Structures are given as structure tokens and as C-alpha cells.
Amino acid sequence: MDEDGVRVVIADDNDAVRELLRLVVELDDRLRLVGEAADGREALSVVAAERPDVLLLDLAMPVLDGLEVLARLPTDQELKVVVYSGFAGEDLKAAALAAGADDYLVKGVDPAVITERLVAVTR
């Protein structure tokens, strides 16, 4: 985290969800949006280029899904990952956490929870 706040990249294939998450991030002074991605391959590219503090990652994406992204994330940076998924199942949550996610949120959660978790994982 730098003096301008927690640097966030959003990765979700749904344009409307990305727009909503962008607004949630931009309205919180503790957070700074530094990139967006619409598929898994793009997510990896944006993470490599922007070196964010946190990746807010959907699991169901084209090209590479979220679990594949987790497996391929660079290990040379202090990156935290908050999964933001439409799947509420415990098996998928456990798989995401085992693959390296730091937190798991189900889509539809209150926006304040999203911002609190994005900040909390960087502490």
C-alpha cells in the first residue's frame, strides 16, 4: 500500500459488475483503482504491469478462470487476492483459499463489506 491508498485491480468478465466494483472502489478514499480485466489472461497481464496490492477476482471468467489465475499469479510481489464470486458453495470457497486467495466474498454482499475486506487483507 502506498500513500495514495490500497492499489486495486478488478478482474470480472461482466461489464456491469466491473462498473459497479469500480464505483465501490473509487468512492472509498482508502482505495485506488489501478486496472481492470475482463478475462483471466488479461488479469495476469494487468497484475504484472500495475503491481497492485489487491486483486479482486471473479472465478467464472473466459480464457483462464479464477482458479487458473490464482495458480499463475507472480510470486515475486506482495499481492493479496479477494475472490468475488457468484458461487456460494463451500467446496469452491475452499478450493480458492487453498489455491492462494486471501478472502472469499459472494456476489451480492454489501459494498461496505467489499471495501473493508480489500483494506483488511493488506494489513
C-alpha atoms as a PDB file:
ATOM      1  CA  MET A   1       0.000   0.000   0.000  1.00  0.00           C
ATOM      2  CA  ASP A   2       1.314   3.447  -0.867  1.00  0.00           C
ATOM      3  CA  GLU A   3       0.367   6.899   0.401  1.00  0.00           C
ATOM      4  CA  ASP A   4      -2.455   7.112  -2.152  1.00  0.00           C
ATOM      5  CA  GLY A   5      -4.176   4.042  -0.745  1.00  0.00           C
ATOM      6  CA  VAL A   6      -4.550   0.363  -1.437  1.00  0.00           C
ATOM      7  CA  ARG A   7      -3.917  -0.268  -5.136  1.00  0.00           C
ATOM      8  CA  VAL A   8      -6.693  -2.465  -6.572  1.00  0.00           C
ATOM      9  CA  VAL A   9      -7.171  -4.389  -9.822  1.00  0.00           C
ATOM     10  CA  ILE A  10     -10.646  -5.704 -10.661  1.00  0.00           C
ATOM     11  CA  ALA A  11     -10.994  -8.855 -12.786  1.00  0.00           C
ATOM     12  CA  ASP A  12     -14.531  -9.809 -13.847  1.00  0.00           C
ATOM     13  CA  ASP A  13     -15.893 -10.686 -17.275  1.00  0.00           C
ATOM     14  CA  ASN A  14     -19.226  -8.930 -16.656  1.00  0.00           C
ATOM     15  CA  ASP A  15     -19.058  -5.265 -17.705  1.00  0.00           C
ATOM     16  CA  ALA A  16     -21.858  -4.223 -15.319  1.00  0.00           C
ATOM     17  CA  VAL A  17     -20.195  -5.935 -12.350  1.00  0.00           C
ATOM     18  CA  ARG A  18     -16.855  -4.304 -13.179  1.00  0.00           C
ATOM     19  CA  GLU A  19     -18.576  -0.920 -13.384  1.00  0.00           C
ATOM     20  CA  LEU A  20     -20.247  -1.443 -10.006  1.00  0.00           C
ATOM     21  CA  LEU A  21     -16.979  -2.566  -8.402  1.00  0.00           C
ATOM     22  CA  ARG A  22     -15.150   0.386  -9.981  1.00  0.00           C
ATOM     23  CA  LEU A  23     -17.639   2.768  -8.316  1.00  0.00           C
ATOM     24  CA  VAL A  24     -17.322   0.972  -4.968  1.00  0.00           C
ATOM     25  CA  VAL A  25     -13.527   1.266  -5.078  1.00  0.00           C
ATOM     26  CA  GLU A  26     -13.454   4.854  -6.340  1.00  0.00           C
ATOM     27  CA  LEU A  27     -15.841   6.040  -3.608  1.00  0.00           C
ATOM     28  CA  ASP A  28     -13.531   4.826  -0.820  1.00  0.00           C
ATOM     29  CA  ASP A  29     -10.612   7.170  -0.102  1.00  0.00           C
ATOM     30  CA  ARG A  30      -8.525   4.262   1.216  1.00  0.00           C
ATOM     31  CA  LEU A  31      -8.566   2.525  -2.189  1.00  0.00           C
ATOM     32  CA  ARG A  32      -7.190   3.374  -5.635  1.00  0.00           C
ATOM     33  CA  LEU A  33      -8.199   1.537  -8.794  1.00  0.00           C
ATOM     34  CA  VAL A  34      -5.147   0.884 -10.964  1.00  0.00           C
ATOM     35  CA  GLY A  35      -6.540  -1.584 -13.514  1.00  0.00           C
ATOM     36  CA  GLU A  36      -9.333  -3.778 -14.782  1.00  0.00           C
ATOM     37  CA  ALA A  37      -9.522  -7.034 -16.687  1.00  0.00           C
ATOM     38  CA  ALA A  38     -12.317  -8.894 -18.472  1.00  0.00           C
ATOM     39  CA  ASP A  39     -10.695 -12.337 -18.613  1.00  0.00           C
ATOM     40  CA  GLY A  40      -8.072 -14.364 -16.800  1.00  0.00           C
ATOM     41  CA  ARG A  41      -5.212 -13.782 -19.220  1.00  0.00           C
ATOM     42  CA  GLU A  42      -5.833 -10.034 -19.122  1.00  0.00           C
ATOM     43  CA  ALA A  43      -5.943 -10.179 -15.311  1.00  0.00           C
ATOM     44  CA  LEU A  44      -2.455 -11.693 -15.196  1.00  0.00           C
ATOM     45  CA  SER A  45      -1.168  -9.067 -17.626  1.00  0.00           C
ATOM     46  CA  VAL A  46      -2.652  -6.140 -15.669  1.00  0.00           C
ATOM     47  CA  VAL A  47      -1.336  -7.534 -12.365  1.00  0.00           C
ATOM     48  CA  ALA A  48       2.163  -7.848 -13.850  1.00  0.00           C
ATOM     49  CA  ALA A  49       2.070  -4.314 -15.264  1.00  0.00           C
ATOM     50  CA  GLU A  50       0.423  -2.488 -12.359  1.00  0.00           C
ATOM     51  CA  ARG A  51       1.704  -4.488  -9.370  1.00  0.00           C
ATOM     52  CA  PRO A  52      -1.415  -3.859  -7.250  1.00  0.00           C
ATOM     53  CA  ASP A  53      -1.774  -4.531  -3.556  1.00  0.00           C
ATOM     54  CA  VAL A  54      -5.034  -6.446  -4.088  1.00  0.00           C
ATOM     55  CA  LEU A  55      -6.658  -8.318  -6.954  1.00  0.00           C
ATOM     56  CA  LEU A  56     -10.469  -8.517  -6.722  1.00  0.00           C
ATOM     57  CA  LEU A  57     -11.011 -11.687  -8.748  1.00  0.00           C
ATOM     58  CA  ASP A  58     -14.071 -13.371 -10.217  1.00  0.00           C
ATOM     59  CA  LEU A  59     -13.819 -17.146 -10.609  1.00  0.00           C
ATOM     60  CA  ALA A  60     -16.022 -17.651 -13.704  1.00  0.00           C
ATOM     61  CA  MET A  61     -14.133 -15.884 -16.493  1.00  0.00           C
ATOM     62  CA  PRO A  62     -13.203 -16.753 -20.068  1.00  0.00           C
ATOM     63  CA  VAL A  63      -9.718 -17.674 -21.336  1.00  0.00           C
ATOM     64  CA  LEU A  64      -8.469 -18.534 -17.820  1.00  0.00           C
ATOM     65  CA  ASP A  65     -10.843 -18.966 -14.891  1.00  0.00           C
ATOM     66  CA  GLY A  66     -10.127 -17.524 -11.466  1.00  0.00           C
ATOM     67  CA  LEU A  67      -8.592 -20.723 -10.087  1.00  0.00           C
ATOM     68  CA  GLU A  68      -6.185 -20.820 -13.059  1.00  0.00           C
ATOM     69  CA  VAL A  69      -5.330 -17.173 -12.445  1.00  0.00           C
ATOM     70  CA  LEU A  70      -4.582 -17.931  -8.787  1.00  0.00           C
ATOM     71  CA  ALA A  71      -2.229 -20.724  -9.862  1.00  0.00           C
ATOM     72  CA  ARG A  72      -0.345 -18.426 -12.266  1.00  0.00           C
ATOM     73  CA  LEU A  73      -0.035 -15.239 -10.226  1.00  0.00           C
ATOM     74  CA  PRO A  74       3.504 -13.909  -9.782  1.00  0.00           C
ATOM     75  CA  THR A  75       5.171 -14.911  -6.560  1.00  0.00           C
ATOM     76  CA  ASP A  76       7.641 -12.014  -6.561  1.00  0.00           C
ATOM     77  CA  GLN A  77       5.217  -9.425  -5.213  1.00  0.00           C
ATOM     78  CA  GLU A  78       3.125  -8.884  -2.091  1.00  0.00           C
ATOM     79  CA  LEU A  79      -0.205  -9.419  -3.845  1.00  0.00           C
ATOM     80  CA  LYS A  80      -3.363 -10.218  -1.903  1.00  0.00           C
ATOM     81  CA  VAL A  81      -6.386 -11.749  -3.642  1.00  0.00           C
ATOM     82  CA  VAL A  82     -10.020 -11.323  -2.694  1.00  0.00           C
ATOM     83  CA  VAL A  83     -12.251 -13.634  -4.701  1.00  0.00           C
ATOM     84  CA  TYR A  84     -15.630 -12.104  -5.576  1.00  0.00           C
ATOM     85  CA  SER A  85     -17.756 -14.928  -6.917  1.00  0.00           C
ATOM     86  CA  GLY A  86     -21.351 -15.739  -7.725  1.00  0.00           C
ATOM     87  CA  PHE A  87     -20.758 -19.231  -6.329  1.00  0.00           C
ATOM     88  CA  ALA A  88     -21.529 -19.649  -2.640  1.00  0.00           C
ATOM     89  CA  GLY A  89     -20.526 -23.309  -2.306  1.00  0.00           C
ATOM     90  CA  GLU A  90     -18.074 -24.241   0.428  1.00  0.00           C
ATOM     91  CA  ASP A  91     -16.136 -26.574  -1.895  1.00  0.00           C
ATOM     92  CA  LEU A  92     -15.326 -23.775  -4.330  1.00  0.00           C
ATOM     93  CA  LYS A  93     -14.500 -21.394  -1.497  1.00  0.00           C
ATOM     94  CA  ALA A  94     -12.131 -23.984  -0.020  1.00  0.00           C
ATOM     95  CA  ALA A  95     -10.532 -24.550  -3.440  1.00  0.00           C
ATOM     96  CA  ALA A  96      -9.980 -20.816  -3.936  1.00  0.00           C
ATOM     97  CA  LEU A  97      -8.457 -20.376  -0.481  1.00  0.00           C
ATOM     98  CA  ALA A  98      -6.260 -23.439  -0.988  1.00  0.00           C
ATOM     99  CA  ALA A  99      -5.112 -22.002  -4.340  1.00  0.00           C
ATOM    100  CA  GLY A 100      -3.920 -18.835  -2.641  1.00  0.00           C
ATOM    101  CA  ALA A 101      -6.887 -16.495  -2.239  1.00  0.00           C
ATOM    102  CA  ASP A 102      -6.760 -14.433   0.943  1.00  0.00           C
ATOM    103  CA  ASP A 103     -10.521 -13.930   1.235  1.00  0.00           C
ATOM    104  CA  TYR A 104     -13.724 -15.038  -0.484  1.00  0.00           C
ATOM    105  CA  LEU A 105     -16.851 -12.927  -0.951  1.00  0.00           C
ATOM    106  CA  VAL A 106     -20.104 -13.950  -2.593  1.00  0.00           C
ATOM    107  CA  LYS A 107     -21.562 -11.516  -5.111  1.00  0.00           C
ATOM    108  CA  GLY A 108     -24.397  -9.512  -3.629  1.00  0.00           C
ATOM    109  CA  VAL A 109     -22.588  -8.716  -0.381  1.00  0.00           C
ATOM    110  CA  ASP A 110     -22.919  -5.133   0.856  1.00  0.00           C
ATOM    111  CA  PRO A 111     -20.408  -2.780  -0.854  1.00  0.00           C
ATOM    112  CA  ALA A 112     -19.091  -1.719   2.564  1.00  0.00           C
ATOM    113  CA  VAL A 113     -18.030  -5.317   3.188  1.00  0.00           C
ATOM    114  CA  ILE A 114     -16.101  -5.323  -0.095  1.00  0.00           C
ATOM    115  CA  THR A 115     -14.150  -2.188   0.774  1.00  0.00           C
ATOM    116  CA  GLU A 116     -13.462  -3.339   4.335  1.00  0.00           C
ATOM    117  CA  ARG A 117     -12.109  -6.682   3.108  1.00  0.00           C
ATOM    118  CA  LEU A 118      -9.934  -5.039   0.433  1.00  0.00           C
ATOM    119  CA  VAL A 119      -8.329  -2.890   3.122  1.00  0.00           C
ATOM    120  CA  ALA A 120      -8.169  -5.636   5.750  1.00  0.00           C
ATOM    121  CA  VAL A 121      -6.225  -8.143   3.618  1.00  0.00           C
ATOM    122  CA  THR A 122      -3.404  -5.642   3.193  1.00  0.00           C
ATOM    123  CA  ARG A 123      -2.860  -5.134   6.921  1.00  0.00           C
END
